[in-house]
Amino acid sequence: MELLQLRYFQESAINGSFAKTAEAHNVPATSVSASVKRLEKELGCSLFDRTCNRIQLNEKGKLFLKNVEEILRKLEHAVYAVQPEVDDDRQIRMLVRTTRGEITDAIIAFKQKFPKAVFRTVFDFSETDYNSYDIVIDEQKDGYSGYDRFVFMRTRIRIKAAAKNPLCGKPLTLRQLASASFISIGEQNSMNKILINACRQAGFHPNIVVQCNDIKCYEKCLAADVGIALGREYPNAAVSDSIRYLNVTDFDEVQTICCYYKNSSAYGIVGDFLRFLRSRGMASV
């Protein structure tokens, strides 16, 4: 079992495609497919259900992926822990389109080990000129031509409410929330798009009573029961005493956040930060 096999398997599971994984690594799709088949032969079981047009993880594949991601995170953390500080005074130029809180925490933690590191970080949903950045944090999508990527975070999206909200503890369908008030973070934010699309599929448009770009305002309005809202479910982390997850039985959304980076810039201090982000990566599903 080789490290590259595990990388190919992980990325193909996320991409749902051997071809996209091959493109990211600049190798033929047949090489990725053959590598994963050798891995399956070694394990003695298939990890994907294959059709002529797509691949999809089976149950054993899902279990294997969960453990592989944990192994790869620990490996990245081990590599990062022994990396010496490099003499590189470049700015780490980063565009952050989602998970602003997590990236802010990462910057603070990285600065503790590399106090000379200099960040030029833009938190912007609408920025389109991303070519001037070394790193872009965004949802998994096509469109970042010339960038490599790895999965930084994959989490389940839940609907949250204030603990005193009468909806808490009840089995619900999304349609039953048609008359509820919603809080949303920014029109261009991915959470807002998930909310609009999910409600549209359920046959209604959400009644958004507060829309803001400030996370503290968002959280205060949620805790004060101004409305209900979407939020990420983090592994091994409970919501606060004032907030609860609603039991919405037909709402099952998963968000994959990727770190896109220019391979030509991935050395020195930028390379250190990329390894650090890999070591902090999270997956709850």
Protein backbone atom coordinates (compact mmCIF):
# COMPACT_ATOMS: atom_id res chain seq x y z
CA MET A 1 0.00 0.00 0.00
CA GLU A 2 1.55 3.27 -1.14
CA LEU A 3 0.94 6.84 -0.06
CA LEU A 4 0.16 7.89 -3.63
CA GLN A 5 -2.51 5.19 -3.85
CA LEU A 6 -4.19 6.62 -0.76
CA ARG A 7 -4.01 10.15 -2.22
CA TYR A 8 -5.52 8.98 -5.50
CA PHE A 9 -8.27 7.12 -3.66
CA GLN A 10 -9.10 10.06 -1.37
CA GLU A 11 -9.21 12.64 -4.16
CA SER A 12 -11.19 10.38 -6.50
CA ALA A 13 -13.71 9.78 -3.72
CA ILE A 14 -14.12 13.53 -3.28
CA ASN A 15 -14.10 14.30 -7.01
CA GLY A 16 -16.33 11.39 -7.95
CA SER A 17 -14.00 10.95 -10.90
CA PHE A 18 -10.67 9.35 -11.72
CA ALA A 19 -10.28 11.79 -14.60
CA LYS A 20 -10.43 14.89 -12.39
CA THR A 21 -7.90 13.39 -9.99
CA ALA A 22 -5.62 12.57 -12.92
CA GLU A 23 -5.92 16.11 -14.24
CA ALA A 24 -4.90 17.53 -10.87
CA HIS A 25 -1.81 15.32 -10.81
CA ASN A 26 -1.04 15.71 -14.52
CA VAL A 27 -1.15 11.94 -15.17
CA PRO A 28 -3.40 9.78 -17.38
CA ALA A 29 -6.77 8.79 -15.93
CA THR A 30 -5.85 5.15 -16.55
CA SER A 31 -2.93 5.54 -14.11
CA VAL A 32 -5.25 6.70 -11.33
CA SER A 33 -7.82 4.01 -12.07
CA ALA A 34 -5.16 1.28 -12.14
CA SER A 35 -3.64 2.52 -8.88
CA VAL A 36 -7.00 2.40 -7.12
CA LYS A 37 -7.69 -1.08 -8.52
CA ARG A 38 -4.36 -2.30 -7.11
CA LEU A 39 -5.37 -0.84 -3.75
CA GLU A 40 -8.71 -2.64 -3.90
CA LYS A 41 -6.97 -5.90 -4.80
CA GLU A 42 -4.65 -5.52 -1.83
CA LEU A 43 -7.60 -4.83 0.49
CA GLY A 44 -9.61 -7.70 -0.97
CA CYS A 45 -12.73 -5.62 -1.61
CA SER A 46 -14.07 -2.95 -3.95
CA LEU A 47 -14.28 0.62 -2.68
CA PHE A 48 -16.32 2.13 -5.52
CA ASP A 49 -19.45 1.21 -7.40
CA ARG A 50 -18.56 1.86 -11.03
CA THR A 51 -20.80 2.67 -13.98
CA CYS A 52 -19.84 3.74 -17.48
CA ASN A 53 -20.03 7.44 -16.57
CA ARG A 54 -19.23 7.72 -12.87
CA ILE A 55 -17.81 6.21 -9.73
CA GLN A 56 -19.44 6.28 -6.31
CA LEU A 57 -18.14 5.14 -2.93
CA ASN A 58 -19.80 2.02 -1.56
CA GLU A 59 -20.19 1.42 2.17
CA LYS A 60 -16.73 -0.12 2.55
CA GLY A 61 -15.30 2.78 0.58
CA LYS A 62 -16.94 5.31 2.91
CA LEU A 63 -15.50 3.55 5.94
CA PHE A 64 -12.06 3.33 4.34
CA LEU A 65 -12.15 7.00 3.32
CA LYS A 66 -12.90 8.13 6.86
CA ASN A 67 -9.85 6.30 8.18
CA VAL A 68 -7.60 7.30 5.27
CA GLU A 69 -8.39 10.97 5.82
CA GLU A 70 -7.44 10.65 9.47
CA ILE A 71 -4.18 8.91 8.54
CA LEU A 72 -3.28 11.57 5.97
CA ARG A 73 -4.04 14.38 8.40
CA LYS A 74 -1.77 12.81 11.01
CA LEU A 75 0.96 12.37 8.41
CA GLU A 76 0.71 16.01 7.35
CA HIS A 77 0.80 17.07 10.98
CA ALA A 78 3.95 14.96 11.55
CA VAL A 79 5.64 16.54 8.51
CA TYR A 80 4.68 20.02 9.62
CA ALA A 81 5.90 19.42 13.19
CA VAL A 82 9.48 18.71 12.10
CA GLN A 83 9.72 21.38 9.41
CA PRO A 84 12.37 24.00 10.22
CA GLU A 85 11.50 27.66 9.79
CA VAL A 86 12.66 28.88 6.39
CA ASP A 87 14.13 32.26 5.54
CA ASP A 88 11.39 33.43 3.19
CA ASP A 89 10.00 36.95 3.52
CA ARG A 90 7.26 36.59 0.88
CA GLN A 91 3.69 37.49 1.78
CA ILE A 92 1.25 34.60 1.96
CA ARG A 93 -1.39 35.95 -0.43
CA MET A 94 -4.72 34.31 0.27
CA LEU A 95 -8.31 34.81 -0.90
CA VAL A 96 -10.85 33.34 1.51
CA ARG A 97 -14.39 32.83 0.20
CA THR A 98 -15.65 30.58 2.96
CA THR A 99 -14.75 29.25 6.46
CA ARG A 100 -13.39 32.64 7.50
CA GLY A 101 -13.34 31.70 11.18
CA GLU A 102 -11.38 28.49 10.62
CA ILE A 103 -8.84 30.24 8.40
CA THR A 104 -8.42 33.05 10.94
CA ASP A 105 -7.73 30.44 13.62
CA ALA A 106 -5.20 28.78 11.30
CA ILE A 107 -3.39 32.07 10.69
CA ILE A 108 -3.13 32.74 14.44
CA ALA A 109 -1.82 29.22 15.15
CA PHE A 110 0.67 29.37 12.26
CA LYS A 111 2.03 32.72 13.47
CA GLN A 112 2.86 31.11 16.81
CA LYS A 113 5.42 28.86 15.13
CA PHE A 114 6.41 31.24 12.33
CA PRO A 115 6.19 34.71 13.92
CA LYS A 116 7.85 36.34 10.90
CA ALA A 117 5.17 35.10 8.51
CA VAL A 118 3.31 37.91 6.73
CA PHE A 119 -0.24 37.39 5.43
CA ARG A 120 -2.16 39.41 2.89
CA THR A 121 -5.58 37.90 3.32
CA VAL A 122 -8.75 39.04 1.60
CA PHE A 123 -12.12 37.81 2.89
CA ASP A 124 -14.37 38.46 -0.07
CA PHE A 125 -17.28 36.57 -1.64
CA SER A 126 -17.33 38.64 -4.82
CA GLU A 127 -13.63 38.86 -5.78
CA THR A 128 -13.08 37.38 -9.26
CA ASP A 129 -9.43 38.24 -9.92
CA TYR A 130 -8.04 35.27 -7.99
CA ASN A 131 -4.88 34.93 -10.09
CA SER A 132 -3.07 37.43 -7.86
CA TYR A 133 -3.31 35.02 -4.91
CA ASP A 134 -1.15 32.03 -3.97
CA ILE A 135 -3.99 30.33 -2.10
CA VAL A 136 -7.77 30.39 -2.51
CA ILE A 137 -10.13 28.83 0.03
CA ASP A 138 -13.47 27.99 -1.56
CA GLU A 139 -16.03 25.28 -2.06
CA GLN A 140 -15.13 22.38 -4.31
CA LYS A 141 -15.76 23.52 -7.87
CA ASP A 142 -14.25 23.71 -11.31
CA GLY A 143 -12.94 27.03 -12.52
CA TYR A 144 -9.60 27.44 -10.77
CA SER A 145 -7.50 26.73 -13.81
CA GLY A 146 -3.79 26.48 -13.04
CA TYR A 147 -4.34 25.71 -9.36
CA ASP A 148 -3.76 22.42 -7.58
CA ARG A 149 -6.02 21.59 -4.65
CA PHE A 150 -6.62 19.45 -1.62
CA VAL A 151 -9.66 19.05 0.63
CA PHE A 152 -9.36 21.29 3.67
CA MET A 153 -12.72 20.51 5.24
CA ARG A 154 -15.79 18.40 4.59
CA THR A 155 -18.68 18.87 6.98
CA ARG A 156 -22.37 18.21 7.24
CA ILE A 157 -24.64 21.26 7.11
CA ARG A 158 -27.39 21.38 9.73
CA ILE A 159 -30.23 23.77 10.52
CA LYS A 160 -29.82 25.43 13.91
CA ALA A 161 -32.15 27.31 16.22
CA ALA A 162 -32.10 28.95 19.62
CA ALA A 163 -32.51 26.40 22.40
CA LYS A 164 -35.79 28.05 23.41
CA ASN A 165 -37.27 27.75 19.92
CA PRO A 166 -40.38 25.47 20.03
CA LEU A 167 -39.16 23.59 16.94
CA CYS A 168 -36.28 22.03 18.88
CA GLY A 169 -36.64 18.32 19.60
CA LYS A 170 -39.35 17.71 17.02
CA PRO A 171 -38.98 15.61 13.86
CA LEU A 172 -39.49 18.02 10.97
CA THR A 173 -39.46 18.18 7.22
CA LEU A 174 -38.01 21.14 5.37
CA ARG A 175 -41.46 21.97 4.01
CA GLN A 176 -42.70 22.47 7.57
CA LEU A 177 -40.23 25.36 7.89
CA ALA A 178 -41.86 27.32 5.05
CA SER A 179 -43.34 29.86 7.49
CA ALA A 180 -40.21 30.11 9.66
CA SER A 181 -37.91 33.13 9.76
CA PHE A 182 -34.36 32.53 8.53
CA ILE A 183 -31.03 34.24 9.15
CA SER A 184 -28.44 34.14 6.37
CA ILE A 185 -24.82 35.22 5.94
CA GLY A 186 -24.42 37.33 2.84
CA GLU A 187 -26.12 36.95 -0.52
CA GLN A 188 -22.98 35.49 -2.16
CA ASN A 189 -22.11 33.19 0.72
CA SER A 190 -22.26 29.44 0.04
CA MET A 191 -24.56 28.90 3.02
CA ASN A 192 -27.09 31.29 1.54
CA LYS A 193 -26.96 29.43 -1.77
CA ILE A 194 -27.45 26.07 -0.03
CA LEU A 195 -30.43 27.47 1.88
CA ILE A 196 -32.10 28.94 -1.22
CA ASN A 197 -31.61 25.77 -3.29
CA ALA A 198 -32.81 23.40 -0.55
CA CYS A 199 -35.94 25.46 0.14
CA ARG A 200 -36.67 25.78 -3.56
CA GLN A 201 -36.57 21.99 -3.90
CA ALA A 202 -39.01 21.79 -0.98
CA GLY A 203 -41.39 24.15 -2.80
CA PHE A 204 -40.91 27.50 -1.09
CA HIS A 205 -38.61 30.49 -0.83
CA PRO A 206 -37.14 31.08 2.64
CA ASN A 207 -38.34 34.09 4.58
CA ILE A 208 -34.94 35.70 5.30
CA VAL A 209 -35.43 38.32 8.01
CA VAL A 210 -31.74 39.04 8.67
CA GLN A 211 -28.93 38.88 6.12
CA CYS A 212 -25.49 40.00 7.25
CA ASN A 213 -21.79 39.41 6.53
CA ASP A 214 -20.72 39.61 10.15
CA ILE A 215 -20.52 36.22 11.89
CA LYS A 216 -20.97 37.72 15.37
CA CYS A 217 -24.18 39.44 14.32
CA TYR A 218 -25.32 36.17 12.76
CA GLU A 219 -24.65 34.17 15.93
CA LYS A 220 -26.25 36.75 18.24
CA CYS A 221 -29.41 36.86 16.14
CA LEU A 222 -29.54 33.06 16.13
CA ALA A 223 -29.08 32.78 19.90
CA ALA A 224 -31.72 35.47 20.45
CA ASP A 225 -34.25 33.43 18.42
CA VAL A 226 -34.61 36.06 15.70
CA GLY A 227 -34.66 33.19 13.22
CA ILE A 228 -33.23 29.79 12.35
CA ALA A 229 -30.07 29.36 10.27
CA LEU A 230 -27.68 26.96 8.60
CA GLY A 231 -24.40 25.99 10.21
CA ARG A 232 -21.61 23.46 9.94
CA GLU A 233 -21.57 20.40 12.19
CA TYR A 234 -18.00 20.02 13.39
CA PRO A 235 -16.56 16.68 14.54
CA ASN A 236 -16.31 16.28 18.32
CA ALA A 237 -17.84 19.71 18.91
CA ALA A 238 -21.24 20.44 20.36
CA VAL A 239 -23.31 23.53 19.74
CA SER A 240 -23.53 26.05 22.58
CA ASP A 241 -26.01 25.88 25.45
CA SER A 242 -28.12 28.54 23.73
CA ILE A 243 -28.28 26.84 20.29
CA ARG A 244 -29.58 23.43 19.14
CA TYR A 245 -29.64 21.46 15.88
CA LEU A 246 -33.10 20.93 14.46
CA ASN A 247 -34.09 17.41 13.47
CA VAL A 248 -34.98 18.08 9.82
CA THR A 249 -35.28 14.58 8.42
CA ASP A 250 -35.11 15.42 4.70
CA PHE A 251 -32.27 17.98 4.86
CA ASP A 252 -28.94 16.26 4.23
CA GLU A 253 -26.32 18.61 2.84
CA VAL A 254 -22.55 18.14 2.85
CA GLN A 255 -20.11 20.93 2.06
CA THR A 256 -16.60 20.26 0.78
CA ILE A 257 -14.10 23.11 1.20
CA CYS A 258 -10.88 22.99 -0.81
CA CYS A 259 -7.58 24.78 -0.61
CA TYR A 260 -6.56 25.82 -4.13
CA TYR A 261 -2.93 26.82 -4.59
CA LYS A 262 -0.39 27.67 -7.23
CA ASN A 263 2.17 24.90 -7.38
CA SER A 264 4.77 27.40 -8.58
CA SER A 265 4.38 29.29 -5.28
CA ALA A 266 4.17 26.26 -2.98
CA TYR A 267 7.65 26.49 -1.49
CA GLY A 268 9.23 28.28 1.44
CA ILE A 269 6.78 29.97 3.80
CA VAL A 270 3.81 29.38 1.47
CA GLY A 271 4.63 25.68 1.32
CA ASP A 272 4.86 25.57 5.11
CA PHE A 273 1.44 27.15 5.44
CA LEU A 274 -0.06 24.71 2.93
CA ARG A 275 1.31 21.76 4.92
CA PHE A 276 -0.06 23.37 8.07
CA LEU A 277 -3.53 23.68 6.51
CA ARG A 278 -3.39 20.02 5.48
CA SER A 279 -2.53 19.06 9.05
CA ARG A 280 -5.57 20.98 10.36
CA GLY A 281 -8.01 19.63 7.79
CA MET A 282 -11.28 18.32 9.15
CA ALA A 283 -13.94 15.94 7.93
CA SER A 284 -17.14 15.12 9.81
CA VAL A 285 -18.73 12.89 7.17
